[in-house]
Amino acid sequence: MTDLTGTVMTQPSFFFGTHTKCEHEQFMLSTAQGTVQVIDNVDIAPRVPVQPGDRIEACGEMVHDPGKPPILHWTHHDPAHKHPDGFIRLQGKVYA
């Protein structure tokens, strides 16, 4: 799991996953390591009310796709308890 702290760069947008058929939110995060796309499954975890300029901590699984910003996903708990839990922390509140 990767744990990052950074500043939200974009308003969240929402989409349905092609494999999971679950609703996800996504936003860009500026970190000391560079820009990361955060993708959170909001059918499992509550929506995170982030706004551009918010400082957050995000813990999840990092995926690298050549030529694109890395993706941080699995930022929620695993209902099946087979994968390490992730989270997003905003203003002291944990969304998982």
Protein backbone atom coordinates (compact mmCIF):
# COMPACT_ATOMS: atom_id res chain seq x y z
CA MET A 1 0.00 0.00 0.00
CA THR A 2 1.10 3.56 -0.71
CA ASP A 3 0.38 6.42 1.69
CA LEU A 4 0.47 9.93 0.18
CA THR A 5 -0.24 13.44 1.38
CA GLY A 6 -1.07 16.16 -1.10
CA THR A 7 -3.30 18.92 -2.38
CA VAL A 8 -6.45 18.22 -4.39
CA MET A 9 -6.13 19.81 -7.83
CA THR A 10 -9.53 19.11 -9.44
CA GLN A 11 -13.19 18.78 -8.54
CA PRO A 12 -14.16 15.12 -8.21
CA SER A 13 -15.90 13.54 -11.17
CA PHE A 14 -17.87 10.30 -11.14
CA PHE A 15 -18.02 7.23 -13.39
CA PHE A 16 -19.07 3.58 -13.34
CA GLY A 17 -16.22 1.04 -13.41
CA THR A 18 -16.12 -1.16 -16.50
CA HIS A 19 -15.18 -4.27 -14.51
CA THR A 20 -16.87 -3.65 -11.17
CA LYS A 21 -19.98 -1.84 -12.46
CA CYS A 22 -19.65 0.28 -9.28
CA GLU A 23 -19.67 4.05 -9.02
CA HIS A 24 -16.26 5.68 -8.50
CA GLU A 25 -15.07 9.20 -7.85
CA GLN A 26 -11.79 10.49 -9.26
CA PHE A 27 -9.68 13.59 -8.77
CA MET A 28 -6.12 14.70 -9.28
CA LEU A 29 -3.75 15.08 -6.33
CA SER A 30 -0.49 17.04 -6.28
CA THR A 31 2.08 15.32 -4.03
CA ALA A 32 5.79 15.70 -3.33
CA GLN A 33 6.27 12.70 -5.66
CA GLY A 34 4.26 14.30 -8.48
CA THR A 35 0.68 14.27 -9.74
CA VAL A 36 -1.47 11.23 -8.94
CA GLN A 37 -5.00 10.34 -10.04
CA VAL A 38 -7.02 9.15 -7.03
CA ILE A 39 -9.88 6.75 -7.79
CA ASP A 40 -12.24 5.76 -4.97
CA ASN A 41 -15.08 3.20 -5.15
CA VAL A 42 -18.04 5.08 -3.67
CA ASP A 43 -20.29 2.03 -3.76
CA ILE A 44 -18.05 0.70 -0.95
CA ALA A 45 -16.84 3.88 0.77
CA PRO A 46 -18.68 7.18 1.22
CA ARG A 47 -18.02 10.01 -1.20
CA VAL A 48 -15.22 12.29 -0.02
CA PRO A 49 -16.30 15.95 -0.19
CA VAL A 50 -12.95 17.18 -1.53
CA GLN A 51 -12.50 20.53 -3.23
CA PRO A 52 -9.49 21.92 -5.11
CA GLY A 53 -6.99 23.21 -2.55
CA ASP A 54 -7.90 20.66 0.16
CA ARG A 55 -4.98 18.86 1.81
CA ILE A 56 -5.63 15.12 2.18
CA GLU A 57 -3.89 11.88 3.06
CA ALA A 58 -4.70 8.95 0.77
CA CYS A 59 -3.66 5.34 1.27
CA GLY A 60 -4.21 2.74 -1.44
CA GLU A 61 -2.66 0.66 -4.16
CA MET A 62 -0.56 2.47 -6.78
CA VAL A 63 -0.87 1.49 -10.44
CA HIS A 64 1.48 2.83 -13.12
CA ASP A 65 0.36 3.20 -16.73
CA PRO A 66 3.21 4.40 -19.00
CA GLY A 67 2.62 7.90 -20.32
CA LYS A 68 -0.11 8.73 -17.77
CA PRO A 69 -0.10 9.92 -14.16
CA PRO A 70 -0.05 7.03 -11.69
CA ILE A 71 -3.38 5.91 -10.23
CA LEU A 72 -4.00 5.40 -6.52
CA HIS A 73 -6.98 3.08 -6.05
CA TRP A 74 -8.28 0.68 -3.35
CA THR A 75 -8.68 3.78 -1.17
CA HIS A 76 -11.47 2.05 0.76
CA HIS A 77 -12.01 -0.98 2.98
CA ASP A 78 -12.35 -4.45 1.47
CA PRO A 79 -15.71 -5.98 2.39
CA ALA A 80 -14.30 -9.46 1.61
CA HIS A 81 -11.24 -8.92 3.85
CA LYS A 82 -8.89 -10.26 1.15
CA HIS A 83 -7.09 -7.00 0.30
CA PRO A 84 -5.40 -4.46 2.59
CA ASP A 85 -7.76 -1.62 3.48
CA GLY A 86 -7.13 1.87 2.14
CA PHE A 87 -8.58 5.23 3.12
CA ILE A 88 -8.78 8.95 2.40
CA ARG A 89 -8.39 11.38 5.32
CA LEU A 90 -9.85 14.89 4.91
CA GLN A 91 -9.79 17.40 7.78
CA GLY A 92 -9.26 14.60 10.32
CA LYS A 93 -12.17 12.46 9.08
CA VAL A 94 -11.38 9.06 7.59
CA TYR A 95 -13.37 7.87 4.57
CA ALA A 96 -12.93 4.15 3.99
